[in-house]
Amino acid sequence: FTDFRRLNHRMHNKLFVADGAMAIAGGRNLADEYFLRSDSA
């Protein structure tokens, strides 16, 4: 809140590329709740 103008600019892009040959693109972040592994939500 004291540096809102800068810190409000975030990066929501997601991309996963292996050996330049295969990729995964979509909406999942890399955390428990995106892979049905969370006990809460």
PDB file of all heavy atoms in Angstrom:
ATOM      1  N   PHE A   1       0.812  -1.217   0.000  1.00  0.00           N
ATOM      2  CA  PHE A   1       0.000   0.000   0.000  1.00  0.00           C
ATOM      3  C   PHE A   1       0.845   1.267   0.000  1.00  0.00           C
ATOM      4  O   PHE A   1       0.362   2.324  -0.411  1.00  0.00           O
ATOM      5  CB  PHE A   1      -0.966  -0.015   1.185  1.00  0.00           C
ATOM      6  CG  PHE A   1      -2.086  -1.001   1.016  1.00  0.00           C
ATOM      7  CD1 PHE A   1      -2.178  -2.123   1.826  1.00  0.00           C
ATOM      8  CD2 PHE A   1      -3.045  -0.817   0.028  1.00  0.00           C
ATOM      9  CE1 PHE A   1      -3.212  -3.039   1.657  1.00  0.00           C
ATOM     10  CE2 PHE A   1      -4.071  -1.733  -0.154  1.00  0.00           C
ATOM     11  CZ  PHE A   1      -4.156  -2.841   0.663  1.00  0.00           C
ATOM     12  N   THR A   2       2.087   1.184   0.443  1.00  0.00           N
ATOM     13  CA  THR A   2       2.946   2.366   0.394  1.00  0.00           C
ATOM     14  C   THR A   2       3.692   2.494  -0.928  1.00  0.00           C
ATOM     15  O   THR A   2       4.253   3.548  -1.223  1.00  0.00           O
ATOM     16  CB  THR A   2       3.965   2.346   1.554  1.00  0.00           C
ATOM     17  OG1 THR A   2       4.717   1.126   1.508  1.00  0.00           O
ATOM     18  CG2 THR A   2       3.260   2.458   2.897  1.00  0.00           C
ATOM     19  N   ASP A   3       3.709   1.417  -1.724  1.00  0.00           N
ATOM     20  CA  ASP A   3       4.324   1.460  -3.055  1.00  0.00           C
ATOM     21  C   ASP A   3       3.347   0.850  -4.058  1.00  0.00           C
ATOM     22  O   ASP A   3       3.710   0.055  -4.922  1.00  0.00           O
ATOM     23  CB  ASP A   3       5.645   0.678  -3.031  1.00  0.00           C
ATOM     24  CG  ASP A   3       6.524   0.965  -4.239  1.00  0.00           C
ATOM     25  OD1 ASP A   3       6.178   1.868  -5.031  1.00  0.00           O
ATOM     26  OD2 ASP A   3       7.537   0.268  -4.423  1.00  0.00           O
ATOM     27  N   PHE A   4       2.073   1.275  -3.938  1.00  0.00           N
ATOM     28  CA  PHE A   4       0.985   0.630  -4.666  1.00  0.00           C
ATOM     29  C   PHE A   4       1.164   0.736  -6.171  1.00  0.00           C
ATOM     30  O   PHE A   4       0.896  -0.223  -6.903  1.00  0.00           O
ATOM     31  CB  PHE A   4      -0.353   1.250  -4.259  1.00  0.00           C
ATOM     32  CG  PHE A   4      -1.537   0.643  -4.940  1.00  0.00           C
ATOM     33  CD1 PHE A   4      -2.090  -0.540  -4.466  1.00  0.00           C
ATOM     34  CD2 PHE A   4      -2.105   1.238  -6.056  1.00  0.00           C
ATOM     35  CE1 PHE A   4      -3.183  -1.119  -5.091  1.00  0.00           C
ATOM     36  CE2 PHE A   4      -3.200   0.674  -6.686  1.00  0.00           C
ATOM     37  CZ  PHE A   4      -3.743  -0.508  -6.205  1.00  0.00           C
ATOM     38  N   ARG A   5       1.622   1.874  -6.655  1.00  0.00           N
ATOM     39  CA  ARG A   5       1.695   2.079  -8.107  1.00  0.00           C
ATOM     40  C   ARG A   5       2.608   1.046  -8.762  1.00  0.00           C
ATOM     41  O   ARG A   5       2.312   0.563  -9.860  1.00  0.00           O
ATOM     42  CB  ARG A   5       2.204   3.489  -8.395  1.00  0.00           C
ATOM     43  CG  ARG A   5       2.198   3.836  -9.878  1.00  0.00           C
ATOM     44  CD  ARG A   5       2.538   5.289 -10.101  1.00  0.00           C
ATOM     45  NE  ARG A   5       2.480   5.627 -11.508  1.00  0.00           N
ATOM     46  CZ  ARG A   5       2.700   6.851 -11.980  1.00  0.00           C
ATOM     47  NH1 ARG A   5       3.000   7.832 -11.141  1.00  0.00           N
ATOM     48  NH2 ARG A   5       2.635   7.084 -13.274  1.00  0.00           N
ATOM     49  N   ARG A   6       3.703   0.682  -8.099  1.00  0.00           N
ATOM     50  CA  ARG A   6       4.610  -0.320  -8.672  1.00  0.00           C
ATOM     51  C   ARG A   6       4.132  -1.731  -8.372  1.00  0.00           C
ATOM     52  O   ARG A   6       4.030  -2.573  -9.269  1.00  0.00           O
ATOM     53  CB  ARG A   6       6.035  -0.140  -8.127  1.00  0.00           C
ATOM     54  CG  ARG A   6       6.997  -1.229  -8.618  1.00  0.00           C
ATOM     55  CD  ARG A   6       8.402  -1.025  -8.091  1.00  0.00           C
ATOM     56  NE  ARG A   6       8.544  -1.334  -6.689  1.00  0.00           N
ATOM     57  CZ  ARG A   6       8.793  -2.569  -6.228  1.00  0.00           C
ATOM     58  NH1 ARG A   6       8.883  -3.603  -7.046  1.00  0.00           N
ATOM     59  NH2 ARG A   6       8.922  -2.776  -4.926  1.00  0.00           N
ATOM     60  N   LEU A   7       3.834  -2.021  -7.111  1.00  0.00           N
ATOM     61  CA  LEU A   7       3.578  -3.390  -6.694  1.00  0.00           C
ATOM     62  C   LEU A   7       2.213  -3.915  -7.130  1.00  0.00           C
ATOM     63  O   LEU A   7       1.971  -5.119  -7.073  1.00  0.00           O
ATOM     64  CB  LEU A   7       3.736  -3.512  -5.176  1.00  0.00           C
ATOM     65  CG  LEU A   7       5.170  -3.351  -4.678  1.00  0.00           C
ATOM     66  CD1 LEU A   7       5.208  -3.314  -3.155  1.00  0.00           C
ATOM     67  CD2 LEU A   7       6.050  -4.483  -5.201  1.00  0.00           C
ATOM     68  N   ASN A   8       1.322  -3.048  -7.586  1.00  0.00           N
ATOM     69  CA  ASN A   8       0.044  -3.517  -8.095  1.00  0.00           C
ATOM     70  C   ASN A   8       0.184  -4.139  -9.482  1.00  0.00           C
ATOM     71  O   ASN A   8      -0.756  -4.758  -9.988  1.00  0.00           O
ATOM     72  CB  ASN A   8      -0.957  -2.356  -8.158  1.00  0.00           C
ATOM     73  CG  ASN A   8      -2.367  -2.835  -8.468  1.00  0.00           C
ATOM     74  OD1 ASN A   8      -2.859  -3.776  -7.859  1.00  0.00           O
ATOM     75  ND2 ASN A   8      -3.012  -2.184  -9.423  1.00  0.00           N
ATOM     76  N   HIS A   9       1.348  -4.035 -10.088  1.00  0.00           N
ATOM     77  CA  HIS A   9       1.593  -4.628 -11.415  1.00  0.00           C
ATOM     78  C   HIS A   9       2.127  -6.043 -11.219  1.00  0.00           C
ATOM     79  O   HIS A   9       3.278  -6.232 -10.850  1.00  0.00           O
ATOM     80  CB  HIS A   9       2.611  -3.775 -12.184  1.00  0.00           C
ATOM     81  CG  HIS A   9       2.762  -4.193 -13.616  1.00  0.00           C
ATOM     82  ND1 HIS A   9       1.820  -3.924 -14.577  1.00  0.00           N
ATOM     83  CD2 HIS A   9       3.744  -4.885 -14.239  1.00  0.00           C
ATOM     84  CE1 HIS A   9       2.220  -4.412 -15.746  1.00  0.00           C
ATOM     85  NE2 HIS A   9       3.375  -5.005 -15.572  1.00  0.00           N
ATOM     86  N   ARG A  10       1.291  -7.057 -11.447  1.00  0.00           N
ATOM     87  CA  ARG A  10       1.660  -8.443 -11.196  1.00  0.00           C
ATOM     88  C   ARG A  10       1.657  -9.236 -12.502  1.00  0.00           C
ATOM     89  O   ARG A  10       1.108  -8.809 -13.515  1.00  0.00           O
ATOM     90  CB  ARG A  10       0.706  -9.119 -10.201  1.00  0.00           C
ATOM     91  CG  ARG A  10       0.440  -8.419  -8.887  1.00  0.00           C
ATOM     92  CD  ARG A  10       1.647  -7.894  -8.168  1.00  0.00           C
ATOM     93  NE  ARG A  10       2.800  -8.767  -8.132  1.00  0.00           N
ATOM     94  CZ  ARG A  10       3.999  -8.358  -7.706  1.00  0.00           C
ATOM     95  NH1 ARG A  10       4.191  -7.106  -7.312  1.00  0.00           N
ATOM     96  NH2 ARG A  10       5.006  -9.202  -7.688  1.00  0.00           N
ATOM     97  N   MET A  11       2.261 -10.423 -12.458  1.00  0.00           N
ATOM     98  CA  MET A  11       2.386 -11.295 -13.627  1.00  0.00           C
ATOM     99  C   MET A  11       1.559 -12.565 -13.406  1.00  0.00           C
ATOM    100  O   MET A  11       1.900 -13.411 -12.587  1.00  0.00           O
ATOM    101  CB  MET A  11       3.860 -11.668 -13.861  1.00  0.00           C
ATOM    102  CG  MET A  11       4.078 -12.589 -15.047  1.00  0.00           C
ATOM    103  SD  MET A  11       5.682 -13.423 -14.985  1.00  0.00           S
ATOM    104  CE  MET A  11       5.369 -14.623 -13.663  1.00  0.00           C
ATOM    105  N   HIS A  12       0.464 -12.710 -14.139  1.00  0.00           N
ATOM    106  CA  HIS A  12      -0.408 -13.875 -14.008  1.00  0.00           C
ATOM    107  C   HIS A  12      -0.159 -14.921 -15.097  1.00  0.00           C
ATOM    108  O   HIS A  12      -0.867 -15.922 -15.148  1.00  0.00           O
ATOM    109  CB  HIS A  12      -1.872 -13.435 -14.036  1.00  0.00           C
ATOM    110  CG  HIS A  12      -2.289 -12.688 -12.807  1.00  0.00           C
ATOM    111  ND1 HIS A  12      -2.888 -13.300 -11.726  1.00  0.00           N
ATOM    112  CD2 HIS A  12      -2.172 -11.376 -12.473  1.00  0.00           C
ATOM    113  CE1 HIS A  12      -3.141 -12.414 -10.785  1.00  0.00           C
ATOM    114  NE2 HIS A  12      -2.714 -11.231 -11.214  1.00  0.00           N
ATOM    115  N   ASN A  13       0.830 -14.700 -15.960  1.00  0.00           N
ATOM    116  CA  ASN A  13       1.124 -15.651 -17.038  1.00  0.00           C
ATOM    117  C   ASN A  13       1.602 -16.983 -16.474  1.00  0.00           C
ATOM    118  O   ASN A  13       2.282 -17.019 -15.445  1.00  0.00           O
ATOM    119  CB  ASN A  13       2.201 -15.090 -17.966  1.00  0.00           C
ATOM    120  CG  ASN A  13       1.890 -13.693 -18.446  1.00  0.00           C
ATOM    121  OD1 ASN A  13       1.695 -12.798 -17.628  1.00  0.00           O
ATOM    122  ND2 ASN A  13       1.855 -13.500 -19.733  1.00  0.00           N
ATOM    123  N   LYS A  14       1.255 -18.046 -17.180  1.00  0.00           N
ATOM    124  CA  LYS A  14       1.686 -19.385 -16.778  1.00  0.00           C
ATOM    125  C   LYS A  14       2.117 -20.161 -18.024  1.00  0.00           C
ATOM    126  O   LYS A  14       1.358 -20.250 -18.983  1.00  0.00           O
ATOM    127  CB  LYS A  14       0.562 -20.122 -16.054  1.00  0.00           C
ATOM    128  CG  LYS A  14       0.009 -19.365 -14.839  1.00  0.00           C
ATOM    129  CD  LYS A  14      -1.270 -19.990 -14.346  1.00  0.00           C
ATOM    130  CE  LYS A  14      -1.924 -19.113 -13.276  1.00  0.00           C
ATOM    131  NZ  LYS A  14      -2.515 -17.882 -13.869  1.00  0.00           N
ATOM    132  N   LEU A  15       3.311 -20.726 -17.976  1.00  0.00           N
ATOM    133  CA  LEU A  15       3.828 -21.487 -19.107  1.00  0.00           C
ATOM    134  C   LEU A  15       4.874 -22.477 -18.597  1.00  0.00           C
ATOM    135  O   LEU A  15       5.632 -22.151 -17.678  1.00  0.00           O
ATOM    136  CB  LEU A  15       4.453 -20.550 -20.146  1.00  0.00           C
ATOM    137  CG  LEU A  15       4.867 -21.166 -21.484  1.00  0.00           C
ATOM    138  CD1 LEU A  15       3.644 -21.666 -22.249  1.00  0.00           C
ATOM    139  CD2 LEU A  15       5.627 -20.149 -22.330  1.00  0.00           C
ATOM    140  N   PHE A  16       4.878 -23.657 -19.185  1.00  0.00           N
ATOM    141  CA  PHE A  16       5.797 -24.722 -18.774  1.00  0.00           C
ATOM    142  C   PHE A  16       6.304 -25.377 -20.049  1.00  0.00           C
ATOM    143  O   PHE A  16       5.521 -25.970 -20.796  1.00  0.00           O
ATOM    144  CB  PHE A  16       5.031 -25.724 -17.896  1.00  0.00           C
ATOM    145  CG  PHE A  16       5.862 -26.805 -17.284  1.00  0.00           C
ATOM    146  CD1 PHE A  16       6.177 -26.783 -15.934  1.00  0.00           C
ATOM    147  CD2 PHE A  16       6.318 -27.870 -18.051  1.00  0.00           C
ATOM    148  CE1 PHE A  16       6.935 -27.798 -15.371  1.00  0.00           C
ATOM    149  CE2 PHE A  16       7.079 -28.873 -17.502  1.00  0.00           C
ATOM    150  CZ  PHE A  16       7.384 -28.839 -16.153  1.00  0.00           C
ATOM    151  N   VAL A  17       7.606 -25.262 -20.345  1.00  0.00           N
ATOM    152  CA  VAL A  17       8.180 -25.799 -21.581  1.00  0.00           C
ATOM    153  C   VAL A  17       9.356 -26.702 -21.235  1.00  0.00           C
ATOM    154  O   VAL A  17      10.257 -26.293 -20.485  1.00  0.00           O
ATOM    155  CB  VAL A  17       8.641 -24.678 -22.530  1.00  0.00           C
ATOM    156  CG1 VAL A  17       9.147 -25.271 -23.842  1.00  0.00           C
ATOM    157  CG2 VAL A  17       7.516 -23.684 -22.798  1.00  0.00           C
ATOM    158  N   ALA A  18       9.359 -27.899 -21.783  1.00  0.00           N
ATOM    159  CA  ALA A  18      10.434 -28.858 -21.543  1.00  0.00           C
ATOM    160  C   ALA A  18      11.168 -29.145 -22.838  1.00  0.00           C
ATOM    161  O   ALA A  18      10.543 -29.525 -23.844  1.00  0.00           O
ATOM    162  CB  ALA A  18       9.872 -30.156 -20.961  1.00  0.00           C
ATOM    163  N   ASP A  19      12.463 -28.965 -22.837  1.00  0.00           N
ATOM    164  CA  ASP A  19      13.337 -29.235 -23.992  1.00  0.00           C
ATOM    165  C   ASP A  19      12.895 -28.502 -25.249  1.00  0.00           C
ATOM    166  O   ASP A  19      13.215 -28.921 -26.366  1.00  0.00           O
ATOM    167  CB  ASP A  19      13.405 -30.741 -24.274  1.00  0.00           C
ATOM    168  CG  ASP A  19      14.314 -31.472 -23.286  1.00  0.00           C
ATOM    169  OD1 ASP A  19      14.987 -30.794 -22.481  1.00  0.00           O
ATOM    170  OD2 ASP A  19      14.345 -32.712 -23.316  1.00  0.00           O
ATOM    171  N   GLY A  20      12.159 -27.407 -25.105  1.00  0.00           N
ATOM    172  CA  GLY A  20      11.683 -26.670 -26.272  1.00  0.00           C
ATOM    173  C   GLY A  20      10.758 -27.471 -27.153  1.00  0.00           C
ATOM    174  O   GLY A  20      10.432 -27.050 -28.267  1.00  0.00           O
ATOM    175  N   ALA A  21      10.317 -28.629 -26.675  1.00  0.00           N
ATOM    176  CA  ALA A  21       9.570 -29.562 -27.515  1.00  0.00           C
ATOM    177  C   ALA A  21       8.127 -29.739 -27.080  1.00  0.00           C
ATOM    178  O   ALA A  21       7.240 -29.905 -27.923  1.00  0.00           O
ATOM    179  CB  ALA A  21      10.264 -30.923 -27.517  1.00  0.00           C
ATOM    180  N   MET A  22       7.872 -29.754 -25.791  1.00  0.00           N
ATOM    181  CA  MET A  22       6.521 -29.941 -25.272  1.00  0.00           C
ATOM    182  C   MET A  22       6.241 -28.890 -24.209  1.00  0.00           C
ATOM    183  O   MET A  22       7.143 -28.486 -23.467  1.00  0.00           O
ATOM    184  CB  MET A  22       6.336 -31.342 -24.701  1.00  0.00           C
ATOM    185  CG  MET A  22       6.434 -32.430 -25.753  1.00  0.00           C
ATOM    186  SD  MET A  22       5.883 -34.041 -25.137  1.00  0.00           S
ATOM    187  CE  MET A  22       6.069 -35.033 -26.627  1.00  0.00           C
ATOM    188  N   ALA A  23       4.988 -28.466 -24.144  1.00  0.00           N
ATOM    189  CA  ALA A  23       4.624 -27.383 -23.231  1.00  0.00           C
ATOM    190  C   ALA A  23       3.289 -27.679 -22.574  1.00  0.00           C
ATOM    191  O   ALA A  23       2.462 -28.431 -23.096  1.00  0.00           O
ATOM    192  CB  ALA A  23       4.564 -26.056 -23.978  1.00  0.00           C
ATOM    193  N   ILE A  24       3.091 -27.053 -21.411  1.00  0.00           N
ATOM    194  CA  ILE A  24       1.797 -27.050 -20.735  1.00  0.00           C
ATOM    195  C   ILE A  24       1.404 -25.587 -20.553  1.00  0.00           C
ATOM    196  O   ILE A  24       2.181 -24.793 -20.025  1.00  0.00           O
ATOM    197  CB  ILE A  24       1.852 -27.760 -19.375  1.00  0.00           C
ATOM    198  CG1 ILE A  24       2.185 -29.245 -19.552  1.00  0.00           C
ATOM    199  CG2 ILE A  24       0.528 -27.610 -18.626  1.00  0.00           C
ATOM    200  CD1 ILE A  24       2.392 -29.991 -18.249  1.00  0.00           C
ATOM    201  N   ALA A  25       0.213 -25.242 -21.008  1.00  0.00           N
ATOM    202  CA  ALA A  25      -0.285 -23.876 -20.870  1.00  0.00           C
ATOM    203  C   ALA A  25      -1.723 -23.937 -20.367  1.00  0.00           C
ATOM    204  O   ALA A  25      -2.489 -24.814 -20.754  1.00  0.00           O
ATOM    205  CB  ALA A  25      -0.219 -23.140 -22.201  1.00  0.00           C
ATOM    206  N   GLY A  26      -2.076 -23.001 -19.499  1.00  0.00           N
ATOM    207  CA  GLY A  26      -3.426 -22.987 -18.955  1.00  0.00           C
ATOM    208  C   GLY A  26      -3.485 -22.192 -17.676  1.00  0.00           C
ATOM    209  O   GLY A  26      -2.667 -21.305 -17.435  1.00  0.00           O
ATOM    210  N   GLY A  27      -4.445 -22.525 -16.823  1.00  0.00           N
ATOM    211  CA  GLY A  27      -4.738 -21.677 -15.685  1.00  0.00           C
ATOM    212  C   GLY A  27      -4.167 -22.098 -14.353  1.00  0.00           C
ATOM    213  O   GLY A  27      -4.315 -21.365 -13.367  1.00  0.00           O
ATOM    214  N   ARG A  28      -3.529 -23.264 -14.252  1.00  0.00           N
ATOM    215  CA  ARG A  28      -3.108 -23.748 -12.945  1.00  0.00           C
ATOM    216  C   ARG A  28      -1.817 -23.092 -12.465  1.00  0.00           C
ATOM    217  O   ARG A  28      -0.827 -23.044 -13.185  1.00  0.00           O
ATOM    218  CB  ARG A  28      -2.904 -25.266 -12.965  1.00  0.00           C
ATOM    219  CG  ARG A  28      -4.192 -26.055 -13.042  1.00  0.00           C
ATOM    220  CD  ARG A  28      -3.939 -27.554 -12.905  1.00  0.00           C
ATOM    221  NE  ARG A  28      -5.180 -28.310 -12.953  1.00  0.00           N
ATOM    222  CZ  ARG A  28      -5.679 -28.878 -14.049  1.00  0.00           C
ATOM    223  NH1 ARG A  28      -5.015 -28.772 -15.200  1.00  0.00           N
ATOM    224  NH2 ARG A  28      -6.817 -29.528 -14.022  1.00  0.00           N
ATOM    225  N   ASN A  29      -1.859 -22.611 -11.228  1.00  0.00           N
ATOM    226  CA  ASN A  29      -0.636 -22.260 -10.523  1.00  0.00           C
ATOM    227  C   ASN A  29      -0.029 -23.530  -9.946  1.00  0.00           C
ATOM    228  O   ASN A  29      -0.631 -24.613  -9.996  1.00  0.00           O
ATOM    229  CB  ASN A  29      -0.938 -21.251  -9.408  1.00  0.00           C
ATOM    230  CG  ASN A  29      -1.219 -19.868  -9.948  1.00  0.00           C
ATOM    231  OD1 ASN A  29      -0.363 -19.225 -10.547  1.00  0.00           O
ATOM    232  ND2 ASN A  29      -2.447 -19.399  -9.745  1.00  0.00           N
ATOM    233  N   LEU A  30       1.164 -23.390  -9.380  1.00  0.00           N
ATOM    234  CA  LEU A  30       1.881 -24.574  -8.886  1.00  0.00           C
ATOM    235  C   LEU A  30       1.764 -24.661  -7.364  1.00  0.00           C
ATOM    236  O   LEU A  30       2.707 -24.427  -6.627  1.00  0.00           O
ATOM    237  CB  LEU A  30       3.349 -24.502  -9.337  1.00  0.00           C
ATOM    238  CG  LEU A  30       3.560 -24.313 -10.841  1.00  0.00           C
ATOM    239  CD1 LEU A  30       5.044 -24.274 -11.180  1.00  0.00           C
ATOM    240  CD2 LEU A  30       2.860 -25.412 -11.633  1.00  0.00           C
ATOM    241  N   ALA A  31       0.572 -24.993  -6.905  1.00  0.00           N
ATOM    242  CA  ALA A  31       0.303 -25.084  -5.474  1.00  0.00           C
ATOM    243  C   ALA A  31      -0.750 -26.165  -5.232  1.00  0.00           C
ATOM    244  O   ALA A  31      -1.471 -26.573  -6.154  1.00  0.00           O
ATOM    245  CB  ALA A  31      -0.173 -23.735  -4.938  1.00  0.00           C
ATOM    246  N   ASP A  32      -0.844 -26.629  -3.985  1.00  0.00           N
ATOM    247  CA  ASP A  32      -1.724 -27.752  -3.652  1.00  0.00           C
ATOM    248  C   ASP A  32      -3.150 -27.560  -4.154  1.00  0.00           C
ATOM    249  O   ASP A  32      -3.768 -28.492  -4.697  1.00  0.00           O
ATOM    250  CB  ASP A  32      -1.757 -27.944  -2.127  1.00  0.00           C
ATOM    251  CG  ASP A  32      -0.536 -28.670  -1.600  1.00  0.00           C
ATOM    252  OD1 ASP A  32       0.253 -29.182  -2.415  1.00  0.00           O
ATOM    253  OD2 ASP A  32      -0.369 -28.721  -0.365  1.00  0.00           O
ATOM    254  N   GLU A  33      -3.721 -26.353  -3.947  1.00  0.00           N
ATOM    255  CA  GLU A  33      -5.137 -26.141  -4.239  1.00  0.00           C
ATOM    256  C   GLU A  33      -5.465 -26.199  -5.724  1.00  0.00           C
ATOM    257  O   GLU A  33      -6.643 -26.272  -6.100  1.00  0.00           O
ATOM    258  CB  GLU A  33      -5.603 -24.803  -3.655  1.00  0.00           C
ATOM    259  CG  GLU A  33      -4.856 -23.579  -4.126  1.00  0.00           C
ATOM    260  CD  GLU A  33      -3.677 -23.227  -3.235  1.00  0.00           C
ATOM    261  OE1 GLU A  33      -3.105 -24.141  -2.606  1.00  0.00           O
ATOM    262  OE2 GLU A  33      -3.328 -22.031  -3.185  1.00  0.00           O
ATOM    263  N   TYR A  34      -4.450 -26.187  -6.591  1.00  0.00           N
ATOM    264  CA  TYR A  34      -4.693 -26.286  -8.035  1.00  0.00           C
ATOM    265  C   TYR A  34      -4.604 -27.732  -8.539  1.00  0.00           C
ATOM    266  O   TYR A  34      -4.871 -27.983  -9.717  1.00  0.00           O
ATOM    267  CB  TYR A  34      -3.705 -25.402  -8.789  1.00  0.00           C
ATOM    268  CG  TYR A  34      -3.961 -23.934  -8.542  1.00  0.00           C
ATOM    269  CD1 TYR A  34      -3.345 -23.277  -7.485  1.00  0.00           C
ATOM    270  CD2 TYR A  34      -4.845 -23.218  -9.341  1.00  0.00           C
ATOM    271  CE1 TYR A  34      -3.595 -21.937  -7.234  1.00  0.00           C
ATOM    272  CE2 TYR A  34      -5.098 -21.884  -9.101  1.00  0.00           C
ATOM    273  CZ  TYR A  34      -4.473 -21.249  -8.044  1.00  0.00           C
ATOM    274  OH  TYR A  34      -4.731 -19.921  -7.790  1.00  0.00           O
ATOM    275  N   PHE A  35      -4.253 -28.650  -7.647  1.00  0.00           N
ATOM    276  CA  PHE A  35      -4.137 -30.062  -8.031  1.00  0.00           C
ATOM    277  C   PHE A  35      -4.934 -30.959  -7.085  1.00  0.00           C
ATOM    278  O   PHE A  35      -4.611 -32.130  -6.907  1.00  0.00           O
ATOM    279  CB  PHE A  35      -2.662 -30.473  -8.057  1.00  0.00           C
ATOM    280  CG  PHE A  35      -1.855 -29.713  -9.080  1.00  0.00           C
ATOM    281  CD1 PHE A  35      -1.140 -28.581  -8.728  1.00  0.00           C
ATOM    282  CD2 PHE A  35      -1.837 -30.119 -10.409  1.00  0.00           C
ATOM    283  CE1 PHE A  35      -0.407 -27.866  -9.669  1.00  0.00           C
ATOM    284  CE2 PHE A  35      -1.100 -29.414 -11.360  1.00  0.00           C
ATOM    285  CZ  PHE A  35      -0.388 -28.285 -10.988  1.00  0.00           C
ATOM    286  N   LEU A  36      -5.965 -30.388  -6.456  1.00  0.00           N
ATOM    287  CA  LEU A  36      -6.856 -31.124  -5.539  1.00  0.00           C
ATOM    288  C   LEU A  36      -6.080 -31.787  -4.412  1.00  0.00           C
ATOM    289  O   LEU A  36      -6.435 -32.887  -3.968  1.00  0.00           O
ATOM    290  CB  LEU A  36      -7.675 -32.170  -6.314  1.00  0.00           C
ATOM    291  CG  LEU A  36      -8.564 -31.632  -7.446  1.00  0.00           C
ATOM    292  CD1 LEU A  36      -9.361 -32.776  -8.074  1.00  0.00           C
ATOM    293  CD2 LEU A  36      -9.494 -30.532  -6.965  1.00  0.00           C
ATOM    294  N   ARG A  37      -5.037 -31.119  -3.912  1.00  0.00           N
ATOM    295  CA  ARG A  37      -4.214 -31.688  -2.848  1.00  0.00           C
ATOM    296  C   ARG A  37      -4.324 -30.892  -1.550  1.00  0.00           C
ATOM    297  O   ARG A  37      -3.612 -31.160  -0.589  1.00  0.00           O
ATOM    298  CB  ARG A  37      -2.749 -31.756  -3.286  1.00  0.00           C
ATOM    299  CG  ARG A  37      -2.528 -32.506  -4.588  1.00  0.00           C
ATOM    300  CD  ARG A  37      -1.060 -32.548  -4.955  1.00  0.00           C
ATOM    301  NE  ARG A  37      -0.352 -33.633  -4.299  1.00  0.00           N
ATOM    302  CZ  ARG A  37       0.974 -33.688  -4.161  1.00  0.00           C
ATOM    303  NH1 ARG A  37       1.721 -32.701  -4.617  1.00  0.00           N
ATOM    304  NH2 ARG A  37       1.544 -34.724  -3.577  1.00  0.00           N
ATOM    305  N   SER A  38      -5.195 -29.889  -1.526  1.00  0.00           N
ATOM    306  CA  SER A  38      -5.363 -29.071  -0.328  1.00  0.00           C
ATOM    307  C   SER A  38      -6.464 -29.652   0.550  1.00  0.00           C
ATOM    308  O   SER A  38      -7.475 -30.162   0.055  1.00  0.00           O
ATOM    309  CB  SER A  38      -5.714 -27.631  -0.708  1.00  0.00           C
ATOM    310  OG  SER A  38      -6.052 -26.878   0.442  1.00  0.00           O
ATOM    311  N   ASP A  39      -6.287 -29.564   1.865  1.00  0.00           N
ATOM    312  CA  ASP A  39      -7.287 -30.062   2.810  1.00  0.00           C
ATOM    313  C   ASP A  39      -8.395 -29.050   3.069  1.00  0.00           C
ATOM    314  O   ASP A  39      -9.415 -29.393   3.673  1.00  0.00           O
ATOM    315  CB  ASP A  39      -6.617 -30.427   4.139  1.00  0.00           C
ATOM    316  CG  ASP A  39      -5.648 -31.589   3.998  1.00  0.00           C
ATOM    317  OD1 ASP A  39      -5.897 -32.448   3.131  1.00  0.00           O
ATOM    318  OD2 ASP A  39      -4.642 -31.619   4.742  1.00  0.00           O
ATOM    319  N   SER A  40      -8.215 -27.795   2.633  1.00  0.00           N
ATOM    320  CA  SER A  40      -9.194 -26.756   2.954  1.00  0.00           C
ATOM    321  C   SER A  40     -10.050 -26.356   1.756  1.00  0.00           C
ATOM    322  O   SER A  40     -11.283 -26.324   1.842  1.00  0.00           O
ATOM    323  CB  SER A  40      -8.480 -25.517   3.518  1.00  0.00           C
ATOM    324  OG  SER A  40      -7.478 -25.057   2.617  1.00  0.00           O
ATOM    325  N   ALA A  41      -9.430 -26.033   0.615  1.00  0.00           N
ATOM    326  CA  ALA A  41     -10.184 -25.607  -0.566  1.00  0.00           C
ATOM    327  C   ALA A  41      -9.365 -25.900  -1.812  1.00  0.00           C
ATOM    328  O   ALA A  41      -8.128 -25.869  -1.776  1.00  0.00           O
ATOM    329  CB  ALA A  41     -10.520 -24.121  -0.485  1.00  0.00           C
TER     330      ALA A  41
END
